[in-house]
Every structure is written in C-alpha cells, then in structure tokens.
Amino acid sequence: MSEYVRTYRGLEIYPLVYPHNPRSATGSYDYDAGFDAAVRICRRGANDTLTASRVFRVPHPAPFGKAGEARKASSNYAERLIDGQVDGQTVRDL
C-alpha cells in the first residue's frame, strides 16, 4: 500500500481511513459496514524533520460507504481545519 501525502498551506495532510467495525474474531473485516476517517496534519522543520503533528477524527453521522469517500472527506476536513473553519479545533500549535 502506498502512502498518500499532500500539502496544503505548508502543512502535510495524511488521510486515515479504517473500517467502521473492528476486526472480527476470525481476523477479517466487514467492509460492507462502511469506513470511518481521520486526518493527520504535520509540520516539517527546515531540515525536513517532523516538528509537530496531530490527528483529528472526521465527524460524520454515519460510516462512509466507500473508502474513497472517506479519504476525500478526510482531505476536505483537513483543509477546513487549516483554514480555521472548524469550531473548537485548531492547528495553530503545529
């Protein structure tokens, strides 16, 4: 699996998508139950070292039907966070 990274206003955005239901006793996932999403937002220093990062859960009333929908929602939520459009959340400390 390749890692998806993009930048927005100087911060790195890592969409995090995972199955809504935890792994069953047999070790398999129920992908039909949908997906949840979060996003990791990072700042890199001048020498390309990670200086700070935080993970934010993407609020959604129900699981996303497809992983791609969850990934897109994660990226959109990150942009809104960075732009200061989400009440009660901030990335100013990064």
PDB file of N, CA and C in Angstrom:
ATOM      1  N   MET A   1       0.838  -1.173   0.000  1.00  0.00           N
ATOM      2  CA  MET A   1       0.000   0.000   0.000  1.00  0.00           C
ATOM      3  C   MET A   1       0.884   1.236   0.000  1.00  0.00           C
ATOM      4  N   SER A   2       0.642   2.150  -0.919  1.00  0.00           N
ATOM      5  CA  SER A   2       1.432   3.366  -0.974  1.00  0.00           C
ATOM      6  C   SER A   2       0.841   4.404  -0.032  1.00  0.00           C
ATOM      7  N   GLU A   3       1.686   5.246   0.477  1.00  0.00           N
ATOM      8  CA  GLU A   3       1.251   6.279   1.403  1.00  0.00           C
ATOM      9  C   GLU A   3       0.871   7.519   0.623  1.00  0.00           C
ATOM     10  N   TYR A   4      -0.295   8.053   0.909  1.00  0.00           N
ATOM     11  CA  TYR A   4      -0.800   9.225   0.209  1.00  0.00           C
ATOM     12  C   TYR A   4      -0.491  10.452   1.052  1.00  0.00           C
ATOM     13  N   VAL A   5       0.265  11.400   0.486  1.00  0.00           N
ATOM     14  CA  VAL A   5       0.626  12.622   1.203  1.00  0.00           C
ATOM     15  C   VAL A   5       0.367  13.807   0.278  1.00  0.00           C
ATOM     16  N   ARG A   6      -0.221  14.829   0.828  1.00  0.00           N
ATOM     17  CA  ARG A   6      -0.328  16.070   0.077  1.00  0.00           C
ATOM     18  C   ARG A   6      -0.082  17.215   1.032  1.00  0.00           C
ATOM     19  N   THR A   7       0.228  18.362   0.495  1.00  0.00           N
ATOM     20  CA  THR A   7       0.462  19.532   1.330  1.00  0.00           C
ATOM     21  C   THR A   7      -0.592  20.586   1.047  1.00  0.00           C
ATOM     22  N   TYR A   8      -0.878  21.364   2.077  1.00  0.00           N
ATOM     23  CA  TYR A   8      -1.823  22.467   1.963  1.00  0.00           C
ATOM     24  C   TYR A   8      -1.344  23.558   2.908  1.00  0.00           C
ATOM     25  N   ARG A   9      -1.066  24.720   2.358  1.00  0.00           N
ATOM     26  CA  ARG A   9      -0.588  25.872   3.132  1.00  0.00           C
ATOM     27  C   ARG A   9       0.610  25.526   4.007  1.00  0.00           C
ATOM     28  N   GLY A  10       1.512  24.734   3.472  1.00  0.00           N
ATOM     29  CA  GLY A  10       2.747  24.388   4.163  1.00  0.00           C
ATOM     30  C   GLY A  10       2.651  23.237   5.150  1.00  0.00           C
ATOM     31  N   LEU A  11       1.487  22.637   5.307  1.00  0.00           N
ATOM     32  CA  LEU A  11       1.315  21.507   6.214  1.00  0.00           C
ATOM     33  C   LEU A  11       1.066  20.238   5.418  1.00  0.00           C
ATOM     34  N   GLU A  12       1.544  19.124   5.920  1.00  0.00           N
ATOM     35  CA  GLU A  12       1.303  17.840   5.278  1.00  0.00           C
ATOM     36  C   GLU A  12      -0.005  17.251   5.776  1.00  0.00           C
ATOM     37  N   ILE A  13      -0.761  16.664   4.856  1.00  0.00           N
ATOM     38  CA  ILE A  13      -2.050  16.059   5.172  1.00  0.00           C
ATOM     39  C   ILE A  13      -1.983  14.571   4.856  1.00  0.00           C
ATOM     40  N   TYR A  14      -2.284  13.740   5.847  1.00  0.00           N
ATOM     41  CA  TYR A  14      -2.315  12.292   5.683  1.00  0.00           C
ATOM     42  C   TYR A  14      -3.728  11.786   5.997  1.00  0.00           C
ATOM     43  N   PRO A  15      -4.531  11.477   4.986  1.00  0.00           N
ATOM     44  CA  PRO A  15      -5.855  10.901   5.257  1.00  0.00           C
ATOM     45  C   PRO A  15      -5.712   9.526   5.906  1.00  0.00           C
ATOM     46  N   LEU A  16      -6.519   9.259   6.908  1.00  0.00           N
ATOM     47  CA  LEU A  16      -6.515   7.970   7.603  1.00  0.00           C
ATOM     48  C   LEU A  16      -7.913   7.370   7.469  1.00  0.00           C
ATOM     49  N   VAL A  17      -8.008   6.250   6.813  1.00  0.00           N
ATOM     50  CA  VAL A  17      -9.289   5.591   6.560  1.00  0.00           C
ATOM     51  C   VAL A  17      -9.225   4.191   7.143  1.00  0.00           C
ATOM     52  N   TYR A  18     -10.278   3.796   7.870  1.00  0.00           N
ATOM     53  CA  TYR A  18     -10.276   2.486   8.507  1.00  0.00           C
ATOM     54  C   TYR A  18     -11.698   1.940   8.567  1.00  0.00           C
ATOM     55  N   PRO A  19     -11.844   0.611   8.611  1.00  0.00           N
ATOM     56  CA  PRO A  19     -13.182   0.011   8.657  1.00  0.00           C
ATOM     57  C   PRO A  19     -13.947   0.466   9.896  1.00  0.00           C
ATOM     58  N   HIS A  20     -15.252   0.658   9.738  1.00  0.00           N
ATOM     59  CA  HIS A  20     -16.092   1.127  10.841  1.00  0.00           C
ATOM     60  C   HIS A  20     -16.151   0.105  11.978  1.00  0.00           C
ATOM     61  N   ASN A  21     -16.291  -1.162  11.634  1.00  0.00           N
ATOM     62  CA  ASN A  21     -16.340  -2.226  12.651  1.00  0.00           C
ATOM     63  C   ASN A  21     -14.951  -2.799  12.868  1.00  0.00           C
ATOM     64  N   PRO A  22     -14.596  -3.105  14.114  1.00  0.00           N
ATOM     65  CA  PRO A  22     -13.290  -3.712  14.368  1.00  0.00           C
ATOM     66  C   PRO A  22     -13.190  -5.102  13.752  1.00  0.00           C
ATOM     67  N   ARG A  23     -11.998  -5.594  13.688  1.00  0.00           N
ATOM     68  CA  ARG A  23     -11.737  -6.924  13.137  1.00  0.00           C
ATOM     69  C   ARG A  23     -12.532  -7.969  13.912  1.00  0.00           C
ATOM     70  N   SER A  24     -13.101  -8.928  13.194  1.00  0.00           N
ATOM     71  CA  SER A  24     -13.890  -9.984  13.840  1.00  0.00           C
ATOM     72  C   SER A  24     -12.981 -10.999  14.521  1.00  0.00           C
ATOM     73  N   ALA A  25     -13.574 -11.933  15.223  1.00  0.00           N
ATOM     74  CA  ALA A  25     -12.809 -12.973  15.919  1.00  0.00           C
ATOM     75  C   ALA A  25     -12.017 -13.827  14.936  1.00  0.00           C
ATOM     76  N   THR A  26     -12.477 -13.911  13.698  1.00  0.00           N
ATOM     77  CA  THR A  26     -11.756 -14.708  12.683  1.00  0.00           C
ATOM     78  C   THR A  26     -10.644 -13.906  12.025  1.00  0.00           C
ATOM     79  N   GLY A  27     -10.524 -12.620  12.367  1.00  0.00           N
ATOM     80  CA  GLY A  27      -9.453 -11.797  11.817  1.00  0.00           C
ATOM     81  C   GLY A  27      -9.824 -11.051  10.553  1.00  0.00           C
ATOM     82  N   SER A  28     -11.083 -11.106  10.151  1.00  0.00           N
ATOM     83  CA  SER A  28     -11.483 -10.422   8.930  1.00  0.00           C
ATOM     84  C   SER A  28     -12.268  -9.146   9.258  1.00  0.00           C
ATOM     85  N   TYR A  29     -12.343  -8.269   8.279  1.00  0.00           N
ATOM     86  CA  TYR A  29     -13.079  -7.020   8.420  1.00  0.00           C
ATOM     87  C   TYR A  29     -14.387  -7.104   7.647  1.00  0.00           C
ATOM     88  N   ASP A  30     -15.380  -6.375   8.104  1.00  0.00           N
ATOM     89  CA  ASP A  30     -16.658  -6.271   7.408  1.00  0.00           C
ATOM     90  C   ASP A  30     -16.674  -4.928   6.683  1.00  0.00           C
ATOM     91  N   TYR A  31     -16.117  -4.906   5.467  1.00  0.00           N
ATOM     92  CA  TYR A  31     -16.035  -3.661   4.714  1.00  0.00           C
ATOM     93  C   TYR A  31     -17.406  -3.151   4.288  1.00  0.00           C
ATOM     94  N   ASP A  32     -18.403  -4.020   4.251  1.00  0.00           N
ATOM     95  CA  ASP A  32     -19.755  -3.594   3.898  1.00  0.00           C
ATOM     96  C   ASP A  32     -20.365  -2.699   4.972  1.00  0.00           C
ATOM     97  N   ALA A  33     -19.815  -2.708   6.188  1.00  0.00           N
ATOM     98  CA  ALA A  33     -20.312  -1.859   7.271  1.00  0.00           C
ATOM     99  C   ALA A  33     -19.860  -0.418   7.117  1.00  0.00           C
ATOM    100  N   GLY A  34     -18.977  -0.145   6.169  1.00  0.00           N
ATOM    101  CA  GLY A  34     -18.530   1.213   5.903  1.00  0.00           C
ATOM    102  C   GLY A  34     -17.188   1.538   6.534  1.00  0.00           C
ATOM    103  N   PHE A  35     -16.822   2.806   6.427  1.00  0.00           N
ATOM    104  CA  PHE A  35     -15.500   3.264   6.851  1.00  0.00           C
ATOM    105  C   PHE A  35     -15.607   4.533   7.679  1.00  0.00           C
ATOM    106  N   ASP A  36     -14.664   4.707   8.585  1.00  0.00           N
ATOM    107  CA  ASP A  36     -14.520   5.936   9.352  1.00  0.00           C
ATOM    108  C   ASP A  36     -13.255   6.630   8.858  1.00  0.00           C
ATOM    109  N   ALA A  37     -13.116   7.907   9.202  1.00  0.00           N
ATOM    110  CA  ALA A  37     -11.976   8.667   8.709  1.00  0.00           C
ATOM    111  C   ALA A  37     -11.415   9.581   9.786  1.00  0.00           C
ATOM    112  N   ALA A  38     -10.134   9.830   9.646  1.00  0.00           N
ATOM    113  CA  ALA A  38      -9.419  10.798  10.466  1.00  0.00           C
ATOM    114  C   ALA A  38      -8.368  11.424   9.561  1.00  0.00           C
ATOM    115  N   VAL A  39      -7.662  12.402  10.073  1.00  0.00           N
ATOM    116  CA  VAL A  39      -6.597  13.022   9.286  1.00  0.00           C
ATOM    117  C   VAL A  39      -5.450  13.376  10.219  1.00  0.00           C
ATOM    118  N   ARG A  40      -4.248  13.117   9.762  1.00  0.00           N
ATOM    119  CA  ARG A  40      -3.045  13.517  10.491  1.00  0.00           C
ATOM    120  C   ARG A  40      -2.475  14.726   9.769  1.00  0.00           C
ATOM    121  N   ILE A  41      -2.264  15.814  10.510  1.00  0.00           N
ATOM    122  CA  ILE A  41      -1.711  17.040   9.950  1.00  0.00           C
ATOM    123  C   ILE A  41      -0.350  17.264  10.587  1.00  0.00           C
ATOM    124  N   CYS A  42       0.669  17.457   9.758  1.00  0.00           N
ATOM    125  CA  CYS A  42       2.054  17.563  10.230  1.00  0.00           C
ATOM    126  C   CYS A  42       2.732  18.825   9.697  1.00  0.00           C
ATOM    127  N   ARG A  43       3.688  19.299  10.477  1.00  0.00           N
ATOM    128  CA  ARG A  43       4.559  20.387  10.030  1.00  0.00           C
ATOM    129  C   ARG A  43       5.989  19.862  10.024  1.00  0.00           C
ATOM    130  N   ARG A  44       6.693  20.164   8.957  1.00  0.00           N
ATOM    131  CA  ARG A  44       8.103  19.786   8.834  1.00  0.00           C
ATOM    132  C   ARG A  44       8.984  20.990   9.130  1.00  0.00           C
ATOM    133  N   GLY A  45      10.141  20.728   9.732  1.00  0.00           N
ATOM    134  CA  GLY A  45      11.097  21.781  10.023  1.00  0.00           C
ATOM    135  C   GLY A  45      11.966  22.083   8.816  1.00  0.00           C
ATOM    136  N   ALA A  46      12.887  23.018   8.984  1.00  0.00           N
ATOM    137  CA  ALA A  46      13.757  23.449   7.895  1.00  0.00           C
ATOM    138  C   ALA A  46      14.631  22.312   7.365  1.00  0.00           C
ATOM    139  N   ASN A  47      15.013  21.387   8.224  1.00  0.00           N
ATOM    140  CA  ASN A  47      15.865  20.273   7.791  1.00  0.00           C
ATOM    141  C   ASN A  47      15.037  19.029   7.470  1.00  0.00           C
ATOM    142  N   ASP A  48      13.752  19.214   7.177  1.00  0.00           N
ATOM    143  CA  ASP A  48      12.816  18.159   6.765  1.00  0.00           C
ATOM    144  C   ASP A  48      12.520  17.145   7.873  1.00  0.00           C
ATOM    145  N   THR A  49      12.747  17.536   9.121  1.00  0.00           N
ATOM    146  CA  THR A  49      12.359  16.666  10.224  1.00  0.00           C
ATOM    147  C   THR A  49      10.948  17.034  10.672  1.00  0.00           C
ATOM    148  N   LEU A  50      10.239  16.066  11.176  1.00  0.00           N
ATOM    149  CA  LEU A  50       8.887  16.294  11.672  1.00  0.00           C
ATOM    150  C   LEU A  50       8.971  17.103  12.954  1.00  0.00           C
ATOM    151  N   THR A  51       8.329  18.268  12.972  1.00  0.00           N
ATOM    152  CA  THR A  51       8.386  19.110  14.167  1.00  0.00           C
ATOM    153  C   THR A  51       7.132  18.966  15.025  1.00  0.00           C
ATOM    154  N   ALA A  52       5.982  18.704  14.390  1.00  0.00           N
ATOM    155  CA  ALA A  52       4.742  18.557  15.153  1.00  0.00           C
ATOM    156  C   ALA A  52       3.697  17.865  14.290  1.00  0.00           C
ATOM    157  N   SER A  53       2.806  17.134  14.948  1.00  0.00           N
ATOM    158  CA  SER A  53       1.686  16.531  14.224  1.00  0.00           C
ATOM    159  C   SER A  53       0.540  16.280  15.191  1.00  0.00           C
ATOM    160  N   ARG A  54      -0.669  16.252  14.630  1.00  0.00           N
ATOM    161  CA  ARG A  54      -1.867  15.939  15.409  1.00  0.00           C
ATOM    162  C   ARG A  54      -2.810  15.148  14.526  1.00  0.00           C
ATOM    163  N   VAL A  55      -3.629  14.315  15.163  1.00  0.00           N
ATOM    164  CA  VAL A  55      -4.642  13.538  14.459  1.00  0.00           C
ATOM    165  C   VAL A  55      -6.011  14.061  14.863  1.00  0.00           C
ATOM    166  N   PHE A  56      -6.865  14.265  13.862  1.00  0.00           N
ATOM    167  CA  PHE A  56      -8.222  14.748  14.076  1.00  0.00           C
ATOM    168  C   PHE A  56      -9.198  13.741  13.483  1.00  0.00           C
ATOM    169  N   ARG A  57     -10.214  13.368  14.235  1.00  0.00           N
ATOM    170  CA  ARG A  57     -11.248  12.478  13.720  1.00  0.00           C
ATOM    171  C   ARG A  57     -12.214  13.300  12.880  1.00  0.00           C
ATOM    172  N   VAL A  58     -12.603  12.772  11.729  1.00  0.00           N
ATOM    173  CA  VAL A  58     -13.559  13.458  10.858  1.00  0.00           C
ATOM    174  C   VAL A  58     -14.960  13.157  11.378  1.00  0.00           C
ATOM    175  N   PRO A  59     -15.691  14.182  11.846  1.00  0.00           N
ATOM    176  CA  PRO A  59     -17.039  13.929  12.358  1.00  0.00           C
ATOM    177  C   PRO A  59     -17.993  13.608  11.198  1.00  0.00           C
ATOM    178  N   HIS A  60     -18.768  12.564  11.375  1.00  0.00           N
ATOM    179  CA  HIS A  60     -19.723  12.157  10.351  1.00  0.00           C
ATOM    180  C   HIS A  60     -20.805  11.343  11.050  1.00  0.00           C
ATOM    181  N   PRO A  61     -22.080  11.602  10.741  1.00  0.00           N
ATOM    182  CA  PRO A  61     -23.161  10.936  11.471  1.00  0.00           C
ATOM    183  C   PRO A  61     -23.260   9.429  11.226  1.00  0.00           C
ATOM    184  N   ALA A  62     -22.738   8.959  10.125  1.00  0.00           N
ATOM    185  CA  ALA A  62     -22.796   7.531   9.785  1.00  0.00           C
ATOM    186  C   ALA A  62     -21.506   7.154   9.071  1.00  0.00           C
ATOM    187  N   PRO A  63     -21.168   5.874   9.033  1.00  0.00           N
ATOM    188  CA  PRO A  63     -19.955   5.466   8.319  1.00  0.00           C
ATOM    189  C   PRO A  63     -20.038   5.842   6.833  1.00  0.00           C
ATOM    190  N   PHE A  64     -18.886   6.128   6.248  1.00  0.00           N
ATOM    191  CA  PHE A  64     -18.822   6.377   4.816  1.00  0.00           C
ATOM    192  C   PHE A  64     -19.018   5.053   4.086  1.00  0.00           C
ATOM    193  N   GLY A  65     -19.707   5.082   2.966  1.00  0.00           N
ATOM    194  CA  GLY A  65     -19.997   3.855   2.229  1.00  0.00           C
ATOM    195  C   GLY A  65     -18.790   3.259   1.547  1.00  0.00           C
ATOM    196  N   LYS A  66     -17.855   4.107   1.120  1.00  0.00           N
ATOM    197  CA  LYS A  66     -16.675   3.637   0.389  1.00  0.00           C
ATOM    198  C   LYS A  66     -15.432   4.299   0.952  1.00  0.00           C
ATOM    199  N   ALA A  67     -14.313   3.606   0.819  1.00  0.00           N
ATOM    200  CA  ALA A  67     -13.048   4.133   1.326  1.00  0.00           C
ATOM    201  C   ALA A  67     -12.679   5.437   0.628  1.00  0.00           C
ATOM    202  N   GLY A  68     -12.963   5.550  -0.653  1.00  0.00           N
ATOM    203  CA  GLY A  68     -12.651   6.767  -1.392  1.00  0.00           C
ATOM    204  C   GLY A  68     -13.422   7.967  -0.878  1.00  0.00           C
ATOM    205  N   GLU A  69     -14.670   7.764  -0.497  1.00  0.00           N
ATOM    206  CA  GLU A  69     -15.471   8.844   0.079  1.00  0.00           C
ATOM    207  C   GLU A  69     -14.863   9.313   1.404  1.00  0.00           C
ATOM    208  N   ALA A  70     -14.425   8.362   2.206  1.00  0.00           N
ATOM    209  CA  ALA A  70     -13.817   8.687   3.494  1.00  0.00           C
ATOM    210  C   ALA A  70     -12.500   9.436   3.292  1.00  0.00           C
ATOM    211  N   ARG A  71     -11.712   9.025   2.308  1.00  0.00           N
ATOM    212  CA  ARG A  71     -10.427   9.685   2.025  1.00  0.00           C
ATOM    213  C   ARG A  71     -10.667  11.132   1.570  1.00  0.00           C
ATOM    214  N   LYS A  72     -11.638  11.332   0.705  1.00  0.00           N
ATOM    215  CA  LYS A  72     -11.936  12.683   0.227  1.00  0.00           C
ATOM    216  C   LYS A  72     -12.435  13.560   1.379  1.00  0.00           C
ATOM    217  N   ALA A  73     -13.313  13.028   2.221  1.00  0.00           N
ATOM    218  CA  ALA A  73     -13.816  13.777   3.371  1.00  0.00           C
ATOM    219  C   ALA A  73     -12.676  14.147   4.320  1.00  0.00           C
ATOM    220  N   SER A  74     -11.720  13.250   4.470  1.00  0.00           N
ATOM    221  CA  SER A  74     -10.572  13.500   5.330  1.00  0.00           C
ATOM    222  C   SER A  74      -9.748  14.683   4.816  1.00  0.00           C
ATOM    223  N   SER A  75      -9.482  14.695   3.525  1.00  0.00           N
ATOM    224  CA  SER A  75      -8.716  15.797   2.929  1.00  0.00           C
ATOM    225  C   SER A  75      -9.473  17.114   3.027  1.00  0.00           C
ATOM    226  N   ASN A  76     -10.765  17.089   2.755  1.00  0.00           N
ATOM    227  CA  ASN A  76     -11.573  18.305   2.839  1.00  0.00           C
ATOM    228  C   ASN A  76     -11.625  18.837   4.270  1.00  0.00           C
ATOM    229  N   TYR A  77     -11.757  17.923   5.241  1.00  0.00           N
ATOM    230  CA  TYR A  77     -11.790  18.330   6.644  1.00  0.00           C
ATOM    231  C   TYR A  77     -10.457  18.961   7.049  1.00  0.00           C
ATOM    232  N   ALA A  78      -9.353  18.395   6.579  1.00  0.00           N
ATOM    233  CA  ALA A  78      -8.039  18.953   6.883  1.00  0.00           C
ATOM    234  C   ALA A  78      -7.920  20.382   6.373  1.00  0.00           C
ATOM    235  N   GLU A  79      -8.365  20.622   5.157  1.00  0.00           N
ATOM    236  CA  GLU A  79      -8.307  21.978   4.610  1.00  0.00           C
ATOM    237  C   GLU A  79      -9.146  22.946   5.437  1.00  0.00           C
ATOM    238  N   ARG A  80     -10.330  22.518   5.855  1.00  0.00           N
ATOM    239  CA  ARG A  80     -11.185  23.374   6.690  1.00  0.00           C
ATOM    240  C   ARG A  80     -10.525  23.659   8.042  1.00  0.00           C
ATOM    241  N   LEU A  81      -9.871  22.632   8.622  1.00  0.00           N
ATOM    242  CA  LEU A  81      -9.153  22.834   9.886  1.00  0.00           C
ATOM    243  C   LEU A  81      -8.033  23.854   9.721  1.00  0.00           C
ATOM    244  N   ILE A  82      -7.240  23.677   8.684  1.00  0.00           N
ATOM    245  CA  ILE A  82      -6.102  24.567   8.441  1.00  0.00           C
ATOM    246  C   ILE A  82      -6.573  25.995   8.189  1.00  0.00           C
ATOM    247  N   ASP A  83      -7.712  26.143   7.524  1.00  0.00           N
ATOM    248  CA  ASP A  83      -8.257  27.474   7.237  1.00  0.00           C
ATOM    249  C   ASP A  83      -8.993  28.084   8.431  1.00  0.00           C
ATOM    250  N   GLY A  84      -9.091  27.348   9.553  1.00  0.00           N
ATOM    251  CA  GLY A  84      -9.738  27.858  10.754  1.00  0.00           C
ATOM    252  C   GLY A  84     -11.251  27.875  10.680  1.00  0.00           C
ATOM    253  N   GLN A  85     -11.838  26.989   9.890  1.00  0.00           N
ATOM    254  CA  GLN A  85     -13.281  26.969   9.690  1.00  0.00           C
ATOM    255  C   GLN A  85     -14.010  25.932  10.541  1.00  0.00           C
ATOM    256  N   VAL A  86     -13.308  25.262  11.464  1.00  0.00           N
ATOM    257  CA  VAL A  86     -13.934  24.241  12.308  1.00  0.00           C
ATOM    258  C   VAL A  86     -13.943  24.754  13.748  1.00  0.00           C
ATOM    259  N   ASP A  87     -15.138  24.977  14.280  1.00  0.00           N
ATOM    260  CA  ASP A  87     -15.262  25.480  15.647  1.00  0.00           C
ATOM    261  C   ASP A  87     -14.670  24.495  16.648  1.00  0.00           C
ATOM    262  N   GLY A  88     -13.880  25.014  17.571  1.00  0.00           N
ATOM    263  CA  GLY A  88     -13.328  24.201  18.637  1.00  0.00           C
ATOM    264  C   GLY A  88     -12.081  23.404  18.264  1.00  0.00           C
ATOM    265  N   GLN A  89     -11.613  23.518  17.038  1.00  0.00           N
ATOM    266  CA  GLN A  89     -10.413  22.811  16.603  1.00  0.00           C
ATOM    267  C   GLN A  89      -9.448  23.816  15.982  1.00  0.00           C
ATOM    268  N   THR A  90      -8.161  23.592  16.193  1.00  0.00           N
ATOM    269  CA  THR A  90      -7.164  24.475  15.631  1.00  0.00           C
ATOM    270  C   THR A  90      -5.871  23.714  15.331  1.00  0.00           C
ATOM    271  N   VAL A  91      -5.120  24.229  14.387  1.00  0.00           N
ATOM    272  CA  VAL A  91      -3.804  23.665  14.083  1.00  0.00           C
ATOM    273  C   VAL A  91      -2.726  24.729  14.348  1.00  0.00           C
ATOM    274  N   ARG A  92      -3.089  25.781  15.056  1.00  0.00           N
ATOM    275  CA  ARG A  92      -2.133  26.860  15.333  1.00  0.00           C
ATOM    276  C   ARG A  92      -0.930  26.395  16.136  1.00  0.00           C
ATOM    277  N   ASP A  93      -1.088  25.327  16.923  1.00  0.00           N
ATOM    278  CA  ASP A  93       0.017  24.864  17.755  1.00  0.00           C
ATOM    279  C   ASP A  93       0.996  23.969  16.990  1.00  0.00           C
ATOM    280  N   LEU A  94       0.755  23.751  15.723  1.00  0.00           N
ATOM    281  CA  LEU A  94       1.680  22.910  14.926  1.00  0.00           C
ATOM    282  C   LEU A  94       2.839  23.715  14.397  1.00  0.00           C
TER     283      LEU A  94
END
